[in-house]
């Protein structure tokens, strides 16, 4: 029962981890979150993704040549049905907890939004519009995986502090949207995921769910830049943040957003004298 055992272990590990996540935000009982780095749950999903006709044929030949009688057990209807059921349950848990959120709604987003060197000193990359758009144009919703805030800050941010700068913390401080990869960096896409096994699943069989991270490149305006041209509105019920143009923006203009009073600006370039 190799396949069944592998997925049973993975499903049990994933289920227990996210049960802790749910209990973690219960106001009446707040247990200490324990970050698991056990290697026993790793690489189960890659084993499934590698079951191509070629590898399956090789597998059968190897076991036939060795005289193994386990093939009939592994490929029995009962074992296949059990493995399929466990796989679907595990994928359902992934979609519920670790899926990436966010979307781009601006017309012709692929050509309208351009990532380039920011005009803000020491800010790195910024986001520009290649076309003119009127006030009120909705750019989209902020990308990322929804995570309990305390868990995010006490685990991932301790290992990868740069992840804090790209995350969006909701005003009630209960959750954050985390668009970074498993090492706290920004990629062109947010794939989703929560641990090694989940990350692998979202980069392979669930990669179609990825969302663009263009909106994470919007910087705060430098002094003398004319203020912000993008506003953000939170929806706490849906746990999303909608970005909208708050004035007319012409082609070639960089997008700027106010990060709010609680944002850490200690790494900003000093103001000119």
C-alpha atoms as a PDB file:
ATOM      1  CA  UNK A   1       0.000   0.000   0.000  1.00  0.00           C
ATOM      2  CA  UNK A   2       2.807   2.442  -0.882  1.00  0.00           C
ATOM      3  CA  UNK A   3       0.608   5.084  -2.509  1.00  0.00           C
ATOM      4  CA  UNK A   4      -2.079   4.933   0.152  1.00  0.00           C
ATOM      5  CA  UNK A   5       0.445   5.130   2.975  1.00  0.00           C
ATOM      6  CA  UNK A   6       2.261   8.099   1.446  1.00  0.00           C
ATOM      7  CA  UNK A   7      -0.895  10.134   0.966  1.00  0.00           C
ATOM      8  CA  UNK A   8      -2.373   9.109   4.285  1.00  0.00           C
ATOM      9  CA  UNK A   9       0.711  10.450   6.054  1.00  0.00           C
ATOM     10  CA  UNK A  10       0.664  13.637   4.014  1.00  0.00           C
ATOM     11  CA  UNK A  11      -3.048  14.239   4.579  1.00  0.00           C
ATOM     12  CA  UNK A  12      -2.776  13.562   8.294  1.00  0.00           C
ATOM     13  CA  UNK A  13       0.218  15.911   8.622  1.00  0.00           C
ATOM     14  CA  UNK A  14      -1.492  18.683   6.661  1.00  0.00           C
ATOM     15  CA  UNK A  15      -4.782  18.303   8.530  1.00  0.00           C
ATOM     16  CA  UNK A  16      -3.171  18.463  11.961  1.00  0.00           C
ATOM     17  CA  UNK A  17      -1.099  21.511  11.010  1.00  0.00           C
ATOM     18  CA  UNK A  18      -4.092  23.524   9.854  1.00  0.00           C
ATOM     19  CA  UNK A  19      -6.225  22.470  12.766  1.00  0.00           C
ATOM     20  CA  UNK A  20      -3.599  24.181  14.893  1.00  0.00           C
ATOM     21  CA  UNK A  21      -3.886  27.218  12.646  1.00  0.00           C
ATOM     22  CA  UNK A  22      -7.649  27.417  13.164  1.00  0.00           C
ATOM     23  CA  UNK A  23      -7.344  26.980  16.926  1.00  0.00           C
ATOM     24  CA  UNK A  24      -4.585  29.558  16.970  1.00  0.00           C
ATOM     25  CA  UNK A  25      -6.928  32.436  16.210  1.00  0.00           C
ATOM     26  CA  UNK A  26      -9.652  31.312  18.627  1.00  0.00           C
ATOM     27  CA  UNK A  27      -9.986  34.208  21.140  1.00  0.00           C
ATOM     28  CA  UNK A  28     -10.973  31.842  23.968  1.00  0.00           C
ATOM     29  CA  UNK A  29      -7.955  29.572  23.609  1.00  0.00           C
ATOM     30  CA  UNK A  30      -4.672  30.630  22.081  1.00  0.00           C
ATOM     31  CA  UNK A  31      -2.186  27.746  22.109  1.00  0.00           C
ATOM     32  CA  UNK A  32       1.459  28.259  21.264  1.00  0.00           C
ATOM     33  CA  UNK A  33       2.156  27.648  17.584  1.00  0.00           C
ATOM     34  CA  UNK A  34       4.866  25.080  17.007  1.00  0.00           C
ATOM     35  CA  UNK A  35       6.601  25.227  13.641  1.00  0.00           C
ATOM     36  CA  UNK A  36       7.246  21.742  12.334  1.00  0.00           C
ATOM     37  CA  UNK A  37      10.267  21.003  10.200  1.00  0.00           C
ATOM     38  CA  UNK A  38       9.832  17.257  10.130  1.00  0.00           C
ATOM     39  CA  UNK A  39      11.157  15.719   6.943  1.00  0.00           C
ATOM     40  CA  UNK A  40       8.792  12.752   7.166  1.00  0.00           C
ATOM     41  CA  UNK A  41       6.093  14.593   5.200  1.00  0.00           C
ATOM     42  CA  UNK A  42       8.311  15.837   2.395  1.00  0.00           C
ATOM     43  CA  UNK A  43       8.298  14.848  -1.270  1.00  0.00           C
ATOM     44  CA  UNK A  44       5.018  12.926  -1.298  1.00  0.00           C
ATOM     45  CA  UNK A  45       3.415  15.146  -3.918  1.00  0.00           C
ATOM     46  CA  UNK A  46       6.434  15.004  -6.280  1.00  0.00           C
ATOM     47  CA  UNK A  47       6.039  11.233  -6.275  1.00  0.00           C
ATOM     48  CA  UNK A  48       2.553  11.627  -7.669  1.00  0.00           C
ATOM     49  CA  UNK A  49       3.521  14.232 -10.240  1.00  0.00           C
ATOM     50  CA  UNK A  50       6.225  11.909 -11.562  1.00  0.00           C
ATOM     51  CA  UNK A  51       3.823   9.066 -12.397  1.00  0.00           C
ATOM     52  CA  UNK A  52       4.056   9.488 -16.155  1.00  0.00           C
ATOM     53  CA  UNK A  53       3.420   6.518 -18.476  1.00  0.00           C
ATOM     54  CA  UNK A  54       7.187   6.074 -18.851  1.00  0.00           C
ATOM     55  CA  UNK A  55       7.953   6.011 -15.131  1.00  0.00           C
ATOM     56  CA  UNK A  56       4.955   3.770 -14.434  1.00  0.00           C
ATOM     57  CA  UNK A  57       6.162   1.276 -17.068  1.00  0.00           C
ATOM     58  CA  UNK A  58       9.662   1.276 -15.565  1.00  0.00           C
ATOM     59  CA  UNK A  59       8.206   0.758 -12.106  1.00  0.00           C
ATOM     60  CA  UNK A  60       6.192  -2.240 -13.235  1.00  0.00           C
ATOM     61  CA  UNK A  61       9.135  -3.796 -15.053  1.00  0.00           C
ATOM     62  CA  UNK A  62      11.362  -3.470 -12.002  1.00  0.00           C
ATOM     63  CA  UNK A  63       8.854  -5.168  -9.737  1.00  0.00           C
ATOM     64  CA  UNK A  64       7.987  -7.846 -12.260  1.00  0.00           C
ATOM     65  CA  UNK A  65      11.656  -8.735 -12.730  1.00  0.00           C
ATOM     66  CA  UNK A  66      12.121  -9.010  -8.975  1.00  0.00           C
ATOM     67  CA  UNK A  67       9.129 -11.278  -8.630  1.00  0.00           C
ATOM     68  CA  UNK A  68       7.375  -8.897  -6.285  1.00  0.00           C
ATOM     69  CA  UNK A  69       3.740  -9.692  -5.573  1.00  0.00           C
ATOM     70  CA  UNK A  70       2.953  -6.218  -4.231  1.00  0.00           C
ATOM     71  CA  UNK A  71       2.021  -4.777  -7.647  1.00  0.00           C
ATOM     72  CA  UNK A  72      -1.407  -6.372  -7.661  1.00  0.00           C
ATOM     73  CA  UNK A  73      -2.049  -4.954  -4.195  1.00  0.00           C
ATOM     74  CA  UNK A  74      -0.853  -1.466  -5.120  1.00  0.00           C
ATOM     75  CA  UNK A  75      -2.908  -1.391  -8.326  1.00  0.00           C
ATOM     76  CA  UNK A  76      -6.019  -3.053  -6.927  1.00  0.00           C
ATOM     77  CA  UNK A  77      -9.294  -1.119  -7.348  1.00  0.00           C
ATOM     78  CA  UNK A  78      -9.615  -0.722  -3.582  1.00  0.00           C
ATOM     79  CA  UNK A  79      -6.108   0.731  -3.208  1.00  0.00           C
ATOM     80  CA  UNK A  80      -6.557   3.078  -6.163  1.00  0.00           C
ATOM     81  CA  UNK A  81      -9.926   4.272  -4.838  1.00  0.00           C
ATOM     82  CA  UNK A  82      -8.494   4.857  -1.362  1.00  0.00           C
ATOM     83  CA  UNK A  83      -5.516   6.766  -2.752  1.00  0.00           C
ATOM     84  CA  UNK A  84      -7.769   8.886  -4.959  1.00  0.00           C
ATOM     85  CA  UNK A  85     -10.011   9.728  -1.994  1.00  0.00           C
ATOM     86  CA  UNK A  86      -7.047  10.722   0.183  1.00  0.00           C
ATOM     87  CA  UNK A  87      -5.558  12.782  -2.651  1.00  0.00           C
ATOM     88  CA  UNK A  88      -8.812  14.683  -3.197  1.00  0.00           C
ATOM     89  CA  UNK A  89      -9.136  15.359   0.534  1.00  0.00           C
ATOM     90  CA  UNK A  90      -5.592  16.677   0.700  1.00  0.00           C
ATOM     91  CA  UNK A  91      -6.072  18.890  -2.372  1.00  0.00           C
ATOM     92  CA  UNK A  92      -9.292  20.254  -0.837  1.00  0.00           C
ATOM     93  CA  UNK A  93      -7.354  21.239   2.287  1.00  0.00           C
ATOM     94  CA  UNK A  94      -4.703  22.935   0.157  1.00  0.00           C
ATOM     95  CA  UNK A  95      -7.327  24.937  -1.712  1.00  0.00           C
ATOM     96  CA  UNK A  96      -9.001  25.972   1.529  1.00  0.00           C
ATOM     97  CA  UNK A  97      -5.910  27.115   3.430  1.00  0.00           C
ATOM     98  CA  UNK A  98      -2.916  27.652   1.148  1.00  0.00           C
ATOM     99  CA  UNK A  99      -4.329  28.940  -2.134  1.00  0.00           C
ATOM    100  CA  UNK A 100      -3.099  32.259  -3.505  1.00  0.00           C
ATOM    101  CA  UNK A 101      -5.568  35.135  -3.476  1.00  0.00           C
ATOM    102  CA  UNK A 102      -5.721  38.305  -5.521  1.00  0.00           C
ATOM    103  CA  UNK A 103      -6.404  39.248  -9.126  1.00  0.00           C
ATOM    104  CA  UNK A 104      -5.744  41.998 -11.661  1.00  0.00           C
ATOM    105  CA  UNK A 105      -8.869  43.700 -12.997  1.00  0.00           C
ATOM    106  CA  UNK A 106      -7.451  46.697 -14.878  1.00  0.00           C
ATOM    107  CA  UNK A 107      -8.187  46.388 -18.618  1.00  0.00           C
ATOM    108  CA  UNK A 108      -5.349  44.794 -20.603  1.00  0.00           C
ATOM    109  CA  UNK A 109      -3.326  44.257 -17.436  1.00  0.00           C
ATOM    110  CA  UNK A 110      -0.534  42.369 -19.203  1.00  0.00           C
ATOM    111  CA  UNK A 111       0.307  45.438 -21.306  1.00  0.00           C
ATOM    112  CA  UNK A 112      -0.935  48.233 -19.042  1.00  0.00           C
ATOM    113  CA  UNK A 113       1.122  47.440 -15.935  1.00  0.00           C
ATOM    114  CA  UNK A 114       4.887  47.742 -16.343  1.00  0.00           C
ATOM    115  CA  UNK A 115       7.473  46.847 -13.685  1.00  0.00           C
ATOM    116  CA  UNK A 116      10.564  49.027 -13.991  1.00  0.00           C
ATOM    117  CA  UNK A 117      13.177  50.802 -11.887  1.00  0.00           C
ATOM    118  CA  UNK A 118      11.360  53.082  -9.444  1.00  0.00           C
ATOM    119  CA  UNK A 119      11.918  56.822  -9.412  1.00  0.00           C
ATOM    120  CA  UNK A 120      12.000  56.644  -5.624  1.00  0.00           C
ATOM    121  CA  UNK A 121      15.638  56.645  -4.374  1.00  0.00           C
ATOM    122  CA  UNK A 122      16.746  53.214  -3.096  1.00  0.00           C
ATOM    123  CA  UNK A 123      13.263  51.776  -3.621  1.00  0.00           C
ATOM    124  CA  UNK A 124      14.236  49.155  -6.200  1.00  0.00           C
ATOM    125  CA  UNK A 125      11.486  48.279  -8.651  1.00  0.00           C
ATOM    126  CA  UNK A 126       8.259  50.189  -9.084  1.00  0.00           C
ATOM    127  CA  UNK A 127       4.994  49.850 -11.014  1.00  0.00           C
ATOM    128  CA  UNK A 128       4.089  52.094 -13.946  1.00  0.00           C
ATOM    129  CA  UNK A 129       1.135  52.496 -16.314  1.00  0.00           C
ATOM    130  CA  UNK A 130       1.825  52.306 -20.039  1.00  0.00           C
ATOM    131  CA  UNK A 131      -1.591  53.802 -20.823  1.00  0.00           C
ATOM    132  CA  UNK A 132      -3.682  56.619 -19.394  1.00  0.00           C
ATOM    133  CA  UNK A 133      -6.549  55.653 -17.088  1.00  0.00           C
ATOM    134  CA  UNK A 134      -9.214  57.733 -15.342  1.00  0.00           C
ATOM    135  CA  UNK A 135      -9.842  58.146 -11.644  1.00  0.00           C
ATOM    136  CA  UNK A 136     -11.810  55.232 -10.230  1.00  0.00           C
ATOM    137  CA  UNK A 137     -10.158  52.536 -12.346  1.00  0.00           C
ATOM    138  CA  UNK A 138      -9.827  49.386 -10.242  1.00  0.00           C
ATOM    139  CA  UNK A 139      -6.366  47.873 -10.590  1.00  0.00           C
ATOM    140  CA  UNK A 140      -7.186  44.650  -8.729  1.00  0.00           C
ATOM    141  CA  UNK A 141      -6.824  43.067  -5.304  1.00  0.00           C
ATOM    142  CA  UNK A 142      -3.595  42.529  -3.416  1.00  0.00           C
ATOM    143  CA  UNK A 143      -2.038  39.090  -3.987  1.00  0.00           C
ATOM    144  CA  UNK A 144      -0.964  36.612  -1.336  1.00  0.00           C
ATOM    145  CA  UNK A 145      -1.811  33.659   0.855  1.00  0.00           C
ATOM    146  CA  UNK A 146      -4.041  34.488   3.806  1.00  0.00           C
ATOM    147  CA  UNK A 147      -2.185  33.614   7.011  1.00  0.00           C
ATOM    148  CA  UNK A 148      -2.863  34.212  10.727  1.00  0.00           C
ATOM    149  CA  UNK A 149      -0.794  37.290  11.567  1.00  0.00           C
ATOM    150  CA  UNK A 150       0.841  36.017  14.751  1.00  0.00           C
ATOM    151  CA  UNK A 151       1.836  32.752  13.076  1.00  0.00           C
ATOM    152  CA  UNK A 152       3.293  34.638  10.099  1.00  0.00           C
ATOM    153  CA  UNK A 153       5.394  36.986  12.243  1.00  0.00           C
ATOM    154  CA  UNK A 154       6.589  34.308  14.662  1.00  0.00           C
ATOM    155  CA  UNK A 155       7.657  31.755  12.042  1.00  0.00           C
ATOM    156  CA  UNK A 156       8.326  32.879   8.477  1.00  0.00           C
ATOM    157  CA  UNK A 157       9.349  36.442   9.332  1.00  0.00           C
ATOM    158  CA  UNK A 158      11.875  35.240  11.891  1.00  0.00           C
ATOM    159  CA  UNK A 159      13.596  33.198   9.215  1.00  0.00           C
ATOM    160  CA  UNK A 160      13.061  35.670   6.344  1.00  0.00           C
ATOM    161  CA  UNK A 161      12.571  39.224   7.721  1.00  0.00           C
ATOM    162  CA  UNK A 162      12.234  40.711   4.232  1.00  0.00           C
ATOM    163  CA  UNK A 163       8.820  39.032   3.909  1.00  0.00           C
ATOM    164  CA  UNK A 164       7.359  41.653   6.259  1.00  0.00           C
ATOM    165  CA  UNK A 165       7.903  44.456   3.746  1.00  0.00           C
ATOM    166  CA  UNK A 166       5.718  42.791   1.115  1.00  0.00           C
ATOM    167  CA  UNK A 167       2.938  41.473   3.355  1.00  0.00           C
ATOM    168  CA  UNK A 168      -0.350  43.285   3.869  1.00  0.00           C
ATOM    169  CA  UNK A 169      -1.553  43.256   7.461  1.00  0.00           C
ATOM    170  CA  UNK A 170      -5.269  43.877   7.854  1.00  0.00           C
ATOM    171  CA  UNK A 171      -6.301  46.677  10.181  1.00  0.00           C
ATOM    172  CA  UNK A 172      -7.721  44.249  12.750  1.00  0.00           C
ATOM    173  CA  UNK A 173      -4.233  42.631  12.926  1.00  0.00           C
ATOM    174  CA  UNK A 174      -5.694  39.116  12.761  1.00  0.00           C
ATOM    175  CA  UNK A 175      -4.502  38.127   9.305  1.00  0.00           C
ATOM    176  CA  UNK A 176      -1.960  39.085   6.663  1.00  0.00           C
ATOM    177  CA  UNK A 177      -1.741  38.539   2.932  1.00  0.00           C
ATOM    178  CA  UNK A 178       1.664  37.034   2.200  1.00  0.00           C
ATOM    179  CA  UNK A 179       2.704  37.230  -1.493  1.00  0.00           C
ATOM    180  CA  UNK A 180       6.294  36.036  -0.958  1.00  0.00           C
ATOM    181  CA  UNK A 181       7.789  32.676  -1.898  1.00  0.00           C
ATOM    182  CA  UNK A 182       8.993  30.069   0.598  1.00  0.00           C
ATOM    183  CA  UNK A 183      12.155  32.141   1.234  1.00  0.00           C
ATOM    184  CA  UNK A 184      10.383  35.454   1.773  1.00  0.00           C
ATOM    185  CA  UNK A 185      11.148  36.945  -1.663  1.00  0.00           C
ATOM    186  CA  UNK A 186       8.883  38.351  -4.357  1.00  0.00           C
ATOM    187  CA  UNK A 187       8.618  36.407  -7.599  1.00  0.00           C
ATOM    188  CA  UNK A 188       6.675  37.332 -10.720  1.00  0.00           C
ATOM    189  CA  UNK A 189       3.855  35.154  -9.414  1.00  0.00           C
ATOM    190  CA  UNK A 190       2.481  34.123  -6.050  1.00  0.00           C
ATOM    191  CA  UNK A 191       1.979  30.374  -6.245  1.00  0.00           C
ATOM    192  CA  UNK A 192       0.580  29.723  -2.785  1.00  0.00           C
ATOM    193  CA  UNK A 193       1.640  27.095  -0.295  1.00  0.00           C
ATOM    194  CA  UNK A 194       2.442  26.805   3.394  1.00  0.00           C
ATOM    195  CA  UNK A 195       5.122  24.162   3.895  1.00  0.00           C
ATOM    196  CA  UNK A 196       7.493  22.180   1.688  1.00  0.00           C
ATOM    197  CA  UNK A 197       4.880  19.679   0.532  1.00  0.00           C
ATOM    198  CA  UNK A 198       2.228  22.329  -0.065  1.00  0.00           C
ATOM    199  CA  UNK A 199       4.679  24.604  -1.889  1.00  0.00           C
ATOM    200  CA  UNK A 200       5.600  21.766  -4.246  1.00  0.00           C
ATOM    201  CA  UNK A 201       1.947  20.998  -4.979  1.00  0.00           C
ATOM    202  CA  UNK A 202       1.148  24.613  -5.882  1.00  0.00           C
ATOM    203  CA  UNK A 203       4.194  24.853  -8.146  1.00  0.00           C
ATOM    204  CA  UNK A 204       3.296  21.675 -10.037  1.00  0.00           C
ATOM    205  CA  UNK A 205      -0.223  20.276 -10.245  1.00  0.00           C
ATOM    206  CA  UNK A 206      -1.847  23.506  -8.923  1.00  0.00           C
ATOM    207  CA  UNK A 207       0.376  26.014 -10.748  1.00  0.00           C
ATOM    208  CA  UNK A 208      -2.595  27.200 -12.825  1.00  0.00           C
ATOM    209  CA  UNK A 209      -3.844  29.024  -9.694  1.00  0.00           C
ATOM    210  CA  UNK A 210      -0.856  31.375  -9.545  1.00  0.00           C
ATOM    211  CA  UNK A 211      -1.537  35.127  -9.401  1.00  0.00           C
ATOM    212  CA  UNK A 212       0.613  38.029 -10.581  1.00  0.00           C
ATOM    213  CA  UNK A 213       2.462  40.108  -7.996  1.00  0.00           C
ATOM    214  CA  UNK A 214       2.522  43.420  -9.886  1.00  0.00           C
ATOM    215  CA  UNK A 215       0.613  45.289  -7.172  1.00  0.00           C
ATOM    216  CA  UNK A 216       3.317  44.474  -4.613  1.00  0.00           C
ATOM    217  CA  UNK A 217       5.672  46.762  -6.574  1.00  0.00           C
ATOM    218  CA  UNK A 218       3.748  49.950  -5.795  1.00  0.00           C
ATOM    219  CA  UNK A 219       5.934  52.239  -3.667  1.00  0.00           C
ATOM    220  CA  UNK A 220       5.227  55.214  -1.457  1.00  0.00           C
ATOM    221  CA  UNK A 221       5.782  58.561  -3.202  1.00  0.00           C
ATOM    222  CA  UNK A 222       9.018  60.457  -2.664  1.00  0.00           C
ATOM    223  CA  UNK A 223       9.006  64.055  -1.482  1.00  0.00           C
ATOM    224  CA  UNK A 224       7.828  66.333  -4.268  1.00  0.00           C
ATOM    225  CA  UNK A 225       6.311  63.570  -6.388  1.00  0.00           C
ATOM    226  CA  UNK A 226       2.799  64.931  -6.098  1.00  0.00           C
ATOM    227  CA  UNK A 227       1.366  62.492  -3.580  1.00  0.00           C
ATOM    228  CA  UNK A 228      -0.440  59.181  -4.102  1.00  0.00           C
ATOM    229  CA  UNK A 229      -2.440  58.173  -7.146  1.00  0.00           C
ATOM    230  CA  UNK A 230      -3.627  54.813  -5.766  1.00  0.00           C
ATOM    231  CA  UNK A 231      -5.911  54.155  -2.808  1.00  0.00           C
ATOM    232  CA  UNK A 232      -6.467  50.881  -0.943  1.00  0.00           C
ATOM    233  CA  UNK A 233      -9.743  49.701   0.555  1.00  0.00           C
ATOM    234  CA  UNK A 234      -9.934  46.659   2.818  1.00  0.00           C
ATOM    235  CA  UNK A 235     -12.815  44.226   2.924  1.00  0.00           C
ATOM    236  CA  UNK A 236     -12.424  42.377   6.229  1.00  0.00           C
ATOM    237  CA  UNK A 237     -15.282  39.995   5.525  1.00  0.00           C
ATOM    238  CA  UNK A 238     -13.780  38.809   2.238  1.00  0.00           C
ATOM    239  CA  UNK A 239     -10.192  39.364   3.448  1.00  0.00           C
ATOM    240  CA  UNK A 240      -9.160  41.284   0.365  1.00  0.00           C
ATOM    241  CA  UNK A 241      -7.646  44.688  -0.406  1.00  0.00           C
ATOM    242  CA  UNK A 242      -8.888  46.569  -3.484  1.00  0.00           C
ATOM    243  CA  UNK A 243      -6.490  48.984  -5.219  1.00  0.00           C
ATOM    244  CA  UNK A 244      -8.115  51.873  -7.133  1.00  0.00           C
ATOM    245  CA  UNK A 245      -6.779  54.931  -8.955  1.00  0.00           C
ATOM    246  CA  UNK A 246      -7.688  57.972  -6.831  1.00  0.00           C
ATOM    247  CA  UNK A 247      -7.002  60.451  -9.655  1.00  0.00           C
ATOM    248  CA  UNK A 248      -6.423  60.452 -13.400  1.00  0.00           C
ATOM    249  CA  UNK A 249      -3.087  58.851 -14.302  1.00  0.00           C
ATOM    250  CA  UNK A 250      -1.268  59.449 -17.604  1.00  0.00           C
ATOM    251  CA  UNK A 251       0.821  56.971 -19.563  1.00  0.00           C
ATOM    252  CA  UNK A 252       4.342  56.520 -18.168  1.00  0.00           C
ATOM    253  CA  UNK A 253       3.423  57.632 -14.650  1.00  0.00           C
ATOM    254  CA  UNK A 254       4.578  55.598 -11.651  1.00  0.00           C
ATOM    255  CA  UNK A 255       1.935  54.388  -9.212  1.00  0.00           C
ATOM    256  CA  UNK A 256       2.193  55.452  -5.562  1.00  0.00           C
ATOM    257  CA  UNK A 257       0.331  54.350  -2.459  1.00  0.00           C
ATOM    258  CA  UNK A 258       0.285  55.463   1.183  1.00  0.00           C
ATOM    259  CA  UNK A 259       1.391  52.467   3.284  1.00  0.00           C
ATOM    260  CA  UNK A 260      -0.307  53.734   6.440  1.00  0.00           C
ATOM    261  CA  UNK A 261       0.856  54.860   9.873  1.00  0.00           C
ATOM    262  CA  UNK A 262       2.083  51.471  11.085  1.00  0.00           C
ATOM    263  CA  UNK A 263       4.461  50.723   8.208  1.00  0.00           C
ATOM    264  CA  UNK A 264       8.165  50.464   9.126  1.00  0.00           C
ATOM    265  CA  UNK A 265      10.044  53.168   7.192  1.00  0.00           C
ATOM    266  CA  UNK A 266      13.373  52.813   8.994  1.00  0.00           C
ATOM    267  CA  UNK A 267      15.095  51.627   5.809  1.00  0.00           C
ATOM    268  CA  UNK A 268      13.962  54.587   3.718  1.00  0.00           C
ATOM    269  CA  UNK A 269      16.562  56.904   2.192  1.00  0.00           C
ATOM    270  CA  UNK A 270      17.130  60.056   4.279  1.00  0.00           C
ATOM    271  CA  UNK A 271      15.254  63.153   3.267  1.00  0.00           C
ATOM    272  CA  UNK A 272      17.282  65.702   1.347  1.00  0.00           C
ATOM    273  CA  UNK A 273      18.470  68.704   3.335  1.00  0.00           C
END
